[in-house]
Amino acid sequence: MQQLRKTITAIFVVAVIVNYPWELAQTPLYEGMGNFRRMLWHCFAASLGDGLLVLLIFGVGWAVLGRRDWYAQPGIRGYALMLAAGLAIAVAVEWVAVGIARRWTYNDRMPIVPLLGVGLAPVAQMLLLPPLVFRVVAAWRGNTVNDMGDRNSPER
């Protein structure tokens, strides 16, 4: 249980660290980001939410693939799961936040994904960053495969 707690903490921390610069970089695509202090705080809060969303992808992977260290060597199924879950999560969050709750608003510079009607930047974020987060965490936590193909994982 201690290993699982460490893995969850590592995933969350790395996800927040990786997502924060992305959040800052995409601020020109949203309305109301003129105040620098507000922008820094808003992006930090958003990166905390992103960390939770990456944990959700971790949980889905564990449930579907049946291994809590699935992210260390995800293979085609694991990467497909990351992409499918990331897409579903990003679209759902954007639909609710922009369309229903009106938590944020895109400006004219935000490219919109055809048919989905959501911003490209937040969708790309949930497609590209979770695999990076999982790769960093796997390396950091020592989840490796040795020359004989045996897994050296603290999760087992």
N, C-alpha and C. Protein backbone atom coordinates (compact mmCIF):
# COMPACT_ATOMS: atom_id res chain seq x y z
N MET A 1 0.82 -1.20 0.00
CA MET A 1 0.00 0.00 0.00
C MET A 1 0.86 1.26 0.00
N GLN A 2 1.98 1.21 0.69
CA GLN A 2 2.91 2.35 0.73
C GLN A 2 3.45 2.65 -0.67
N GLN A 3 3.77 1.61 -1.44
CA GLN A 3 4.26 1.81 -2.81
C GLN A 3 3.20 2.49 -3.67
N LEU A 4 1.97 2.06 -3.51
CA LEU A 4 0.88 2.66 -4.28
C LEU A 4 0.72 4.14 -3.93
N ARG A 5 0.77 4.45 -2.66
CA ARG A 5 0.68 5.84 -2.22
C ARG A 5 1.81 6.69 -2.82
N LYS A 6 3.01 6.13 -2.84
CA LYS A 6 4.15 6.84 -3.43
C LYS A 6 3.97 7.03 -4.93
N THR A 7 3.43 6.02 -5.60
CA THR A 7 3.19 6.13 -7.04
C THR A 7 2.15 7.19 -7.33
N ILE A 8 1.06 7.18 -6.58
CA ILE A 8 -0.01 8.17 -6.78
C ILE A 8 0.52 9.58 -6.53
N THR A 9 1.30 9.73 -5.48
CA THR A 9 1.89 11.04 -5.18
C THR A 9 2.83 11.48 -6.29
N ALA A 10 3.67 10.57 -6.77
CA ALA A 10 4.61 10.90 -7.84
C ALA A 10 3.86 11.30 -9.11
N ILE A 11 2.83 10.56 -9.47
CA ILE A 11 2.06 10.89 -10.67
C ILE A 11 1.44 12.27 -10.53
N PHE A 12 0.84 12.55 -9.38
CA PHE A 12 0.20 13.85 -9.17
C PHE A 12 1.22 14.99 -9.24
N VAL A 13 2.32 14.84 -8.53
CA VAL A 13 3.34 15.91 -8.49
C VAL A 13 3.92 16.17 -9.88
N VAL A 14 4.30 15.11 -10.58
CA VAL A 14 4.86 15.28 -11.92
C VAL A 14 3.82 15.87 -12.87
N ALA A 15 2.58 15.43 -12.76
CA ALA A 15 1.52 15.96 -13.62
C ALA A 15 1.32 17.46 -13.39
N VAL A 16 1.33 17.89 -12.15
CA VAL A 16 1.17 19.32 -11.86
C VAL A 16 2.35 20.10 -12.43
N ILE A 17 3.56 19.60 -12.22
CA ILE A 17 4.76 20.28 -12.71
C ILE A 17 4.78 20.37 -14.23
N VAL A 18 4.38 19.32 -14.91
CA VAL A 18 4.39 19.29 -16.37
C VAL A 18 3.24 20.13 -16.95
N ASN A 19 2.09 20.11 -16.30
CA ASN A 19 0.93 20.83 -16.83
C ASN A 19 0.97 22.33 -16.58
N TYR A 20 1.66 22.78 -15.54
CA TYR A 20 1.67 24.21 -15.23
C TYR A 20 2.23 25.05 -16.38
N PRO A 21 3.39 24.71 -16.95
CA PRO A 21 3.87 25.51 -18.09
C PRO A 21 2.92 25.47 -19.29
N TRP A 22 2.26 24.33 -19.52
CA TRP A 22 1.29 24.25 -20.60
C TRP A 22 0.13 25.21 -20.33
N GLU A 23 -0.35 25.21 -19.11
CA GLU A 23 -1.44 26.12 -18.75
C GLU A 23 -1.03 27.57 -18.98
N LEU A 24 0.18 27.92 -18.58
CA LEU A 24 0.67 29.29 -18.79
C LEU A 24 0.77 29.61 -20.28
N ALA A 25 1.27 28.66 -21.06
CA ALA A 25 1.46 28.89 -22.50
C ALA A 25 0.15 29.08 -23.24
N GLN A 26 -0.92 28.44 -22.78
CA GLN A 26 -2.18 28.56 -23.51
C GLN A 26 -3.06 29.72 -23.02
N THR A 27 -2.61 30.49 -22.05
CA THR A 27 -3.44 31.60 -21.55
C THR A 27 -3.82 32.62 -22.62
N PRO A 28 -2.99 32.88 -23.64
CA PRO A 28 -3.42 33.84 -24.66
C PRO A 28 -4.64 33.39 -25.46
N LEU A 29 -5.05 32.14 -25.29
CA LEU A 29 -6.19 31.60 -26.03
C LEU A 29 -7.52 31.74 -25.27
N TYR A 30 -7.44 32.31 -24.05
CA TYR A 30 -8.63 32.46 -23.20
C TYR A 30 -8.89 33.92 -22.90
N GLU A 31 -10.14 34.23 -22.61
CA GLU A 31 -10.54 35.58 -22.19
C GLU A 31 -10.19 35.78 -20.71
N GLY A 32 -9.95 37.02 -20.33
CA GLY A 32 -9.80 37.38 -18.93
C GLY A 32 -8.48 37.01 -18.29
N MET A 33 -7.43 36.87 -19.07
CA MET A 33 -6.13 36.50 -18.51
C MET A 33 -5.15 37.68 -18.52
N GLY A 34 -5.68 38.89 -18.48
CA GLY A 34 -4.84 40.07 -18.53
C GLY A 34 -4.06 40.35 -17.25
N ASN A 35 -4.62 40.04 -16.09
CA ASN A 35 -3.97 40.28 -14.82
C ASN A 35 -2.95 39.17 -14.56
N PHE A 36 -1.68 39.56 -14.43
CA PHE A 36 -0.60 38.58 -14.31
C PHE A 36 -0.74 37.70 -13.08
N ARG A 37 -1.03 38.28 -11.92
CA ARG A 37 -1.21 37.49 -10.69
C ARG A 37 -2.37 36.51 -10.81
N ARG A 38 -3.47 37.00 -11.37
CA ARG A 38 -4.65 36.14 -11.56
C ARG A 38 -4.30 34.99 -12.50
N MET A 39 -3.56 35.28 -13.56
CA MET A 39 -3.16 34.26 -14.51
C MET A 39 -2.30 33.19 -13.84
N LEU A 40 -1.33 33.60 -13.04
CA LEU A 40 -0.46 32.63 -12.35
C LEU A 40 -1.27 31.73 -11.42
N TRP A 41 -2.18 32.33 -10.67
CA TRP A 41 -3.00 31.56 -9.74
C TRP A 41 -3.95 30.64 -10.50
N HIS A 42 -4.61 31.17 -11.51
CA HIS A 42 -5.56 30.38 -12.30
C HIS A 42 -4.85 29.18 -12.93
N CYS A 43 -3.68 29.40 -13.48
CA CYS A 43 -2.93 28.31 -14.12
C CYS A 43 -2.46 27.28 -13.10
N PHE A 44 -2.09 27.73 -11.91
CA PHE A 44 -1.70 26.78 -10.87
C PHE A 44 -2.89 25.93 -10.45
N ALA A 45 -4.03 26.57 -10.23
CA ALA A 45 -5.24 25.82 -9.86
C ALA A 45 -5.62 24.84 -10.97
N ALA A 46 -5.52 25.28 -12.21
CA ALA A 46 -5.84 24.40 -13.34
C ALA A 46 -4.88 23.22 -13.39
N SER A 47 -3.61 23.45 -13.09
CA SER A 47 -2.64 22.34 -13.12
C SER A 47 -2.90 21.34 -11.99
N LEU A 48 -3.43 21.80 -10.87
CA LEU A 48 -3.85 20.86 -9.82
C LEU A 48 -4.99 19.98 -10.33
N GLY A 49 -5.94 20.59 -11.02
CA GLY A 49 -7.01 19.81 -11.63
C GLY A 49 -6.49 18.84 -12.68
N ASP A 50 -5.51 19.29 -13.46
CA ASP A 50 -4.89 18.41 -14.46
C ASP A 50 -4.24 17.21 -13.78
N GLY A 51 -3.61 17.46 -12.62
CA GLY A 51 -3.00 16.35 -11.88
C GLY A 51 -4.04 15.31 -11.48
N LEU A 52 -5.21 15.77 -11.07
CA LEU A 52 -6.29 14.84 -10.73
C LEU A 52 -6.78 14.08 -11.96
N LEU A 53 -6.84 14.76 -13.10
CA LEU A 53 -7.28 14.10 -14.33
C LEU A 53 -6.27 13.03 -14.78
N VAL A 54 -4.99 13.29 -14.60
CA VAL A 54 -3.98 12.28 -14.93
C VAL A 54 -4.10 11.09 -13.97
N LEU A 55 -4.41 11.36 -12.71
CA LEU A 55 -4.67 10.25 -11.77
C LEU A 55 -5.89 9.44 -12.20
N LEU A 56 -6.88 10.10 -12.76
CA LEU A 56 -8.04 9.38 -13.28
C LEU A 56 -7.63 8.45 -14.42
N ILE A 57 -6.77 8.93 -15.30
CA ILE A 57 -6.26 8.08 -16.39
C ILE A 57 -5.49 6.90 -15.81
N PHE A 58 -4.69 7.15 -14.78
CA PHE A 58 -3.97 6.06 -14.11
C PHE A 58 -4.95 5.02 -13.58
N GLY A 59 -6.01 5.48 -12.91
CA GLY A 59 -7.00 4.56 -12.36
C GLY A 59 -7.73 3.77 -13.43
N VAL A 60 -8.07 4.42 -14.52
CA VAL A 60 -8.73 3.72 -15.64
C VAL A 60 -7.79 2.65 -16.20
N GLY A 61 -6.53 3.00 -16.35
CA GLY A 61 -5.55 2.03 -16.85
C GLY A 61 -5.40 0.84 -15.94
N TRP A 62 -5.37 1.09 -14.65
CA TRP A 62 -5.26 0.01 -13.67
C TRP A 62 -6.48 -0.91 -13.76
N ALA A 63 -7.67 -0.31 -13.83
CA ALA A 63 -8.91 -1.09 -13.89
C ALA A 63 -9.00 -1.90 -15.19
N VAL A 64 -8.67 -1.28 -16.30
CA VAL A 64 -8.82 -1.93 -17.60
C VAL A 64 -7.71 -2.95 -17.86
N LEU A 65 -6.48 -2.58 -17.53
CA LEU A 65 -5.34 -3.44 -17.85
C LEU A 65 -4.98 -4.40 -16.72
N GLY A 66 -5.53 -4.17 -15.54
CA GLY A 66 -5.36 -5.10 -14.43
C GLY A 66 -4.00 -5.08 -13.75
N ARG A 67 -3.23 -4.02 -13.98
CA ARG A 67 -1.92 -3.88 -13.32
C ARG A 67 -1.75 -2.44 -12.88
N ARG A 68 -1.34 -2.25 -11.64
CA ARG A 68 -1.17 -0.87 -11.20
C ARG A 68 0.12 -0.24 -11.71
N ASP A 69 1.02 -1.04 -12.27
CA ASP A 69 2.24 -0.49 -12.87
C ASP A 69 2.15 -0.47 -14.40
N TRP A 70 0.94 -0.50 -14.94
CA TRP A 70 0.72 -0.55 -16.38
C TRP A 70 1.40 0.60 -17.11
N TYR A 71 1.52 1.75 -16.48
CA TYR A 71 2.09 2.94 -17.10
C TYR A 71 3.58 2.82 -17.38
N ALA A 72 4.28 1.91 -16.68
CA ALA A 72 5.73 1.79 -16.83
C ALA A 72 6.11 1.22 -18.20
N GLN A 73 5.37 0.24 -18.66
CA GLN A 73 5.56 -0.35 -19.98
C GLN A 73 4.17 -0.51 -20.59
N PRO A 74 3.56 0.58 -21.05
CA PRO A 74 2.15 0.53 -21.43
C PRO A 74 1.83 -0.27 -22.68
N GLY A 75 2.77 -0.38 -23.59
CA GLY A 75 2.49 -1.08 -24.83
C GLY A 75 1.40 -0.36 -25.62
N ILE A 76 0.99 -0.98 -26.70
CA ILE A 76 -0.02 -0.37 -27.57
C ILE A 76 -1.35 -0.18 -26.84
N ARG A 77 -1.77 -1.17 -26.08
CA ARG A 77 -3.04 -1.06 -25.35
C ARG A 77 -3.00 0.08 -24.33
N GLY A 78 -1.88 0.20 -23.64
CA GLY A 78 -1.76 1.26 -22.64
C GLY A 78 -1.75 2.64 -23.26
N TYR A 79 -1.01 2.80 -24.36
CA TYR A 79 -1.00 4.10 -25.03
C TYR A 79 -2.36 4.42 -25.64
N ALA A 80 -3.01 3.41 -26.20
CA ALA A 80 -4.36 3.62 -26.74
C ALA A 80 -5.31 4.05 -25.63
N LEU A 81 -5.17 3.42 -24.47
CA LEU A 81 -6.00 3.79 -23.32
C LEU A 81 -5.71 5.22 -22.89
N MET A 82 -4.44 5.61 -22.82
CA MET A 82 -4.09 6.99 -22.45
C MET A 82 -4.73 7.98 -23.41
N LEU A 83 -4.65 7.69 -24.71
CA LEU A 83 -5.21 8.61 -25.70
C LEU A 83 -6.73 8.66 -25.64
N ALA A 84 -7.37 7.50 -25.54
CA ALA A 84 -8.83 7.47 -25.48
C ALA A 84 -9.34 8.15 -24.21
N ALA A 85 -8.74 7.82 -23.08
CA ALA A 85 -9.16 8.43 -21.81
C ALA A 85 -8.86 9.93 -21.81
N GLY A 86 -7.68 10.31 -22.30
CA GLY A 86 -7.32 11.73 -22.36
C GLY A 86 -8.28 12.52 -23.24
N LEU A 87 -8.64 11.95 -24.39
CA LEU A 87 -9.58 12.63 -25.28
C LEU A 87 -10.95 12.76 -24.62
N ALA A 88 -11.45 11.68 -24.07
CA ALA A 88 -12.77 11.70 -23.43
C ALA A 88 -12.80 12.70 -22.27
N ILE A 89 -11.77 12.68 -21.46
CA ILE A 89 -11.72 13.59 -20.31
C ILE A 89 -11.65 15.05 -20.76
N ALA A 90 -10.76 15.33 -21.71
CA ALA A 90 -10.59 16.71 -22.17
C ALA A 90 -11.88 17.25 -22.79
N VAL A 91 -12.50 16.45 -23.64
CA VAL A 91 -13.74 16.90 -24.28
C VAL A 91 -14.83 17.11 -23.24
N ALA A 92 -14.96 16.18 -22.31
CA ALA A 92 -15.99 16.31 -21.27
C ALA A 92 -15.76 17.54 -20.41
N VAL A 93 -14.54 17.75 -19.97
CA VAL A 93 -14.23 18.91 -19.12
C VAL A 93 -14.51 20.21 -19.88
N GLU A 94 -14.06 20.29 -21.12
CA GLU A 94 -14.27 21.52 -21.89
C GLU A 94 -15.75 21.75 -22.18
N TRP A 95 -16.48 20.71 -22.54
CA TRP A 95 -17.92 20.87 -22.78
C TRP A 95 -18.63 21.43 -21.55
N VAL A 96 -18.32 20.84 -20.40
CA VAL A 96 -18.97 21.29 -19.17
C VAL A 96 -18.50 22.69 -18.78
N ALA A 97 -17.18 22.89 -18.76
CA ALA A 97 -16.63 24.16 -18.27
C ALA A 97 -16.95 25.34 -19.18
N VAL A 98 -16.90 25.14 -20.49
CA VAL A 98 -17.14 26.24 -21.43
C VAL A 98 -18.62 26.35 -21.78
N GLY A 99 -19.22 25.22 -22.10
CA GLY A 99 -20.58 25.23 -22.62
C GLY A 99 -21.67 25.30 -21.58
N ILE A 100 -21.47 24.64 -20.45
CA ILE A 100 -22.54 24.56 -19.45
C ILE A 100 -22.28 25.48 -18.26
N ALA A 101 -21.13 25.30 -17.61
CA ALA A 101 -20.84 26.07 -16.39
C ALA A 101 -20.28 27.46 -16.67
N ARG A 102 -19.78 27.67 -17.88
CA ARG A 102 -19.19 28.97 -18.26
C ARG A 102 -18.06 29.39 -17.31
N ARG A 103 -17.23 28.39 -16.94
CA ARG A 103 -16.10 28.64 -16.03
C ARG A 103 -14.99 29.42 -16.73
N TRP A 104 -14.82 29.23 -18.04
CA TRP A 104 -13.86 30.00 -18.83
C TRP A 104 -14.39 30.13 -20.24
N THR A 105 -13.76 31.07 -20.97
CA THR A 105 -14.22 31.40 -22.33
C THR A 105 -13.01 31.45 -23.25
N TYR A 106 -13.15 30.85 -24.42
CA TYR A 106 -12.10 30.95 -25.44
C TYR A 106 -12.18 32.32 -26.11
N ASN A 107 -11.02 32.80 -26.57
CA ASN A 107 -11.06 33.99 -27.42
C ASN A 107 -10.90 33.54 -28.88
N ASP A 108 -10.80 34.48 -29.79
CA ASP A 108 -10.77 34.17 -31.22
C ASP A 108 -9.51 33.41 -31.64
N ARG A 109 -8.48 33.43 -30.82
CA ARG A 109 -7.23 32.74 -31.18
C ARG A 109 -7.24 31.24 -30.89
N MET A 110 -8.21 30.77 -30.11
CA MET A 110 -8.27 29.34 -29.76
C MET A 110 -8.76 28.55 -30.97
N PRO A 111 -7.92 27.63 -31.48
CA PRO A 111 -8.41 26.75 -32.55
C PRO A 111 -9.46 25.79 -31.96
N ILE A 112 -10.52 25.59 -32.69
CA ILE A 112 -11.62 24.73 -32.23
C ILE A 112 -11.56 23.40 -32.98
N VAL A 113 -11.74 22.30 -32.26
CA VAL A 113 -11.75 20.97 -32.87
C VAL A 113 -13.08 20.80 -33.60
N PRO A 114 -13.03 20.57 -34.91
CA PRO A 114 -14.29 20.40 -35.66
C PRO A 114 -15.11 19.24 -35.10
N LEU A 115 -16.39 19.37 -35.18
CA LEU A 115 -17.39 18.40 -34.71
C LEU A 115 -17.52 18.34 -33.19
N LEU A 116 -16.44 18.61 -32.48
CA LEU A 116 -16.49 18.54 -31.02
C LEU A 116 -16.79 19.90 -30.40
N GLY A 117 -16.39 20.97 -31.09
CA GLY A 117 -16.67 22.31 -30.61
C GLY A 117 -15.92 22.71 -29.36
N VAL A 118 -14.77 22.10 -29.12
CA VAL A 118 -13.94 22.44 -27.96
C VAL A 118 -12.57 22.89 -28.44
N GLY A 119 -11.84 23.55 -27.55
CA GLY A 119 -10.54 24.08 -27.89
C GLY A 119 -9.51 22.98 -28.16
N LEU A 120 -8.68 23.22 -29.16
CA LEU A 120 -7.63 22.26 -29.51
C LEU A 120 -6.54 22.19 -28.45
N ALA A 121 -6.17 23.31 -27.87
CA ALA A 121 -5.06 23.32 -26.90
C ALA A 121 -5.34 22.43 -25.69
N PRO A 122 -6.51 22.52 -25.04
CA PRO A 122 -6.74 21.64 -23.89
C PRO A 122 -6.88 20.17 -24.28
N VAL A 123 -7.38 19.90 -25.48
CA VAL A 123 -7.47 18.51 -25.93
C VAL A 123 -6.07 17.96 -26.19
N ALA A 124 -5.25 18.75 -26.88
CA ALA A 124 -3.86 18.32 -27.13
C ALA A 124 -3.11 18.10 -25.82
N GLN A 125 -3.38 18.93 -24.84
CA GLN A 125 -2.75 18.80 -23.53
C GLN A 125 -3.00 17.43 -22.92
N MET A 126 -4.26 16.98 -22.94
CA MET A 126 -4.60 15.68 -22.33
C MET A 126 -4.21 14.50 -23.21
N LEU A 127 -3.85 14.75 -24.47
CA LEU A 127 -3.36 13.68 -25.33
C LEU A 127 -1.84 13.53 -25.22
N LEU A 128 -1.14 14.64 -25.09
CA LEU A 128 0.32 14.63 -25.13
C LEU A 128 0.99 14.51 -23.76
N LEU A 129 0.44 15.16 -22.75
CA LEU A 129 1.15 15.22 -21.47
C LEU A 129 1.03 13.97 -20.60
N PRO A 130 -0.11 13.28 -20.53
CA PRO A 130 -0.14 12.08 -19.70
C PRO A 130 0.92 11.02 -20.06
N PRO A 131 1.15 10.71 -21.35
CA PRO A 131 2.23 9.75 -21.63
C PRO A 131 3.59 10.24 -21.13
N LEU A 132 3.84 11.54 -21.24
CA LEU A 132 5.09 12.11 -20.73
C LEU A 132 5.16 11.97 -19.21
N VAL A 133 4.09 12.30 -18.54
CA VAL A 133 4.04 12.18 -17.08
C VAL A 133 4.32 10.74 -16.65
N PHE A 134 3.66 9.78 -17.28
CA PHE A 134 3.85 8.38 -16.90
C PHE A 134 5.26 7.91 -17.19
N ARG A 135 5.87 8.37 -18.28
CA ARG A 135 7.24 7.99 -18.60
C ARG A 135 8.20 8.54 -17.55
N VAL A 136 8.01 9.79 -17.17
CA VAL A 136 8.87 10.42 -16.15
C VAL A 136 8.71 9.69 -14.83
N VAL A 137 7.48 9.40 -14.43
CA VAL A 137 7.24 8.72 -13.16
C VAL A 137 7.84 7.31 -13.18
N ALA A 138 7.69 6.60 -14.29
CA ALA A 138 8.26 5.25 -14.39
C ALA A 138 9.77 5.29 -14.21
N ALA A 139 10.42 6.27 -14.84
CA ALA A 139 11.87 6.40 -14.70
C ALA A 139 12.24 6.81 -13.27
N TRP A 140 11.51 7.74 -12.71
CA TRP A 140 11.77 8.25 -11.37
C TRP A 140 11.57 7.16 -10.32
N ARG A 141 10.50 6.37 -10.47
CA ARG A 141 10.17 5.34 -9.49
C ARG A 141 10.95 4.06 -9.72
N GLY A 142 11.72 3.98 -10.81
CA GLY A 142 12.54 2.80 -11.05
C GLY A 142 11.80 1.65 -11.70
N ASN A 143 10.68 1.92 -12.37
CA ASN A 143 9.96 0.88 -13.09
C ASN A 143 10.68 0.68 -14.43
N THR A 144 11.44 -0.38 -14.54
CA THR A 144 12.22 -0.63 -15.74
C THR A 144 12.06 -2.08 -16.18
N VAL A 145 12.56 -2.35 -17.36
CA VAL A 145 12.63 -3.73 -17.85
C VAL A 145 14.11 -4.01 -18.08
N ASN A 146 14.62 -5.11 -17.48
CA ASN A 146 16.05 -5.41 -17.63
C ASN A 146 16.32 -6.10 -18.96
N ASP A 147 17.58 -6.46 -19.21
CA ASP A 147 17.98 -7.07 -20.48
C ASP A 147 17.29 -8.39 -20.75
N MET A 148 16.85 -9.08 -19.73
CA MET A 148 16.18 -10.37 -19.90
C MET A 148 14.67 -10.20 -20.09
N GLY A 149 14.18 -8.95 -20.08
CA GLY A 149 12.76 -8.71 -20.26
C GLY A 149 11.98 -8.82 -18.95
N ASP A 150 12.68 -8.99 -17.83
CA ASP A 150 12.01 -9.07 -16.54
C ASP A 150 11.76 -7.66 -16.02
N ARG A 151 10.61 -7.48 -15.44
CA ARG A 151 10.24 -6.18 -14.91
C ARG A 151 10.86 -5.97 -13.53
N ASN A 152 11.51 -4.85 -13.36
CA ASN A 152 12.05 -4.46 -12.05
C ASN A 152 11.16 -3.34 -11.55
N SER A 153 10.12 -3.69 -10.87
CA SER A 153 9.13 -2.71 -10.47
C SER A 153 8.90 -2.75 -8.97
N PRO A 154 8.92 -1.57 -8.34
CA PRO A 154 8.61 -1.54 -6.91
C PRO A 154 7.14 -1.81 -6.64
N GLU A 155 6.33 -1.91 -7.69
CA GLU A 155 4.90 -2.11 -7.54
C GLU A 155 4.53 -3.57 -7.27
N ARG A 156 5.41 -4.47 -7.52
CA ARG A 156 5.05 -5.90 -7.43
C ARG A 156 5.22 -6.47 -6.06
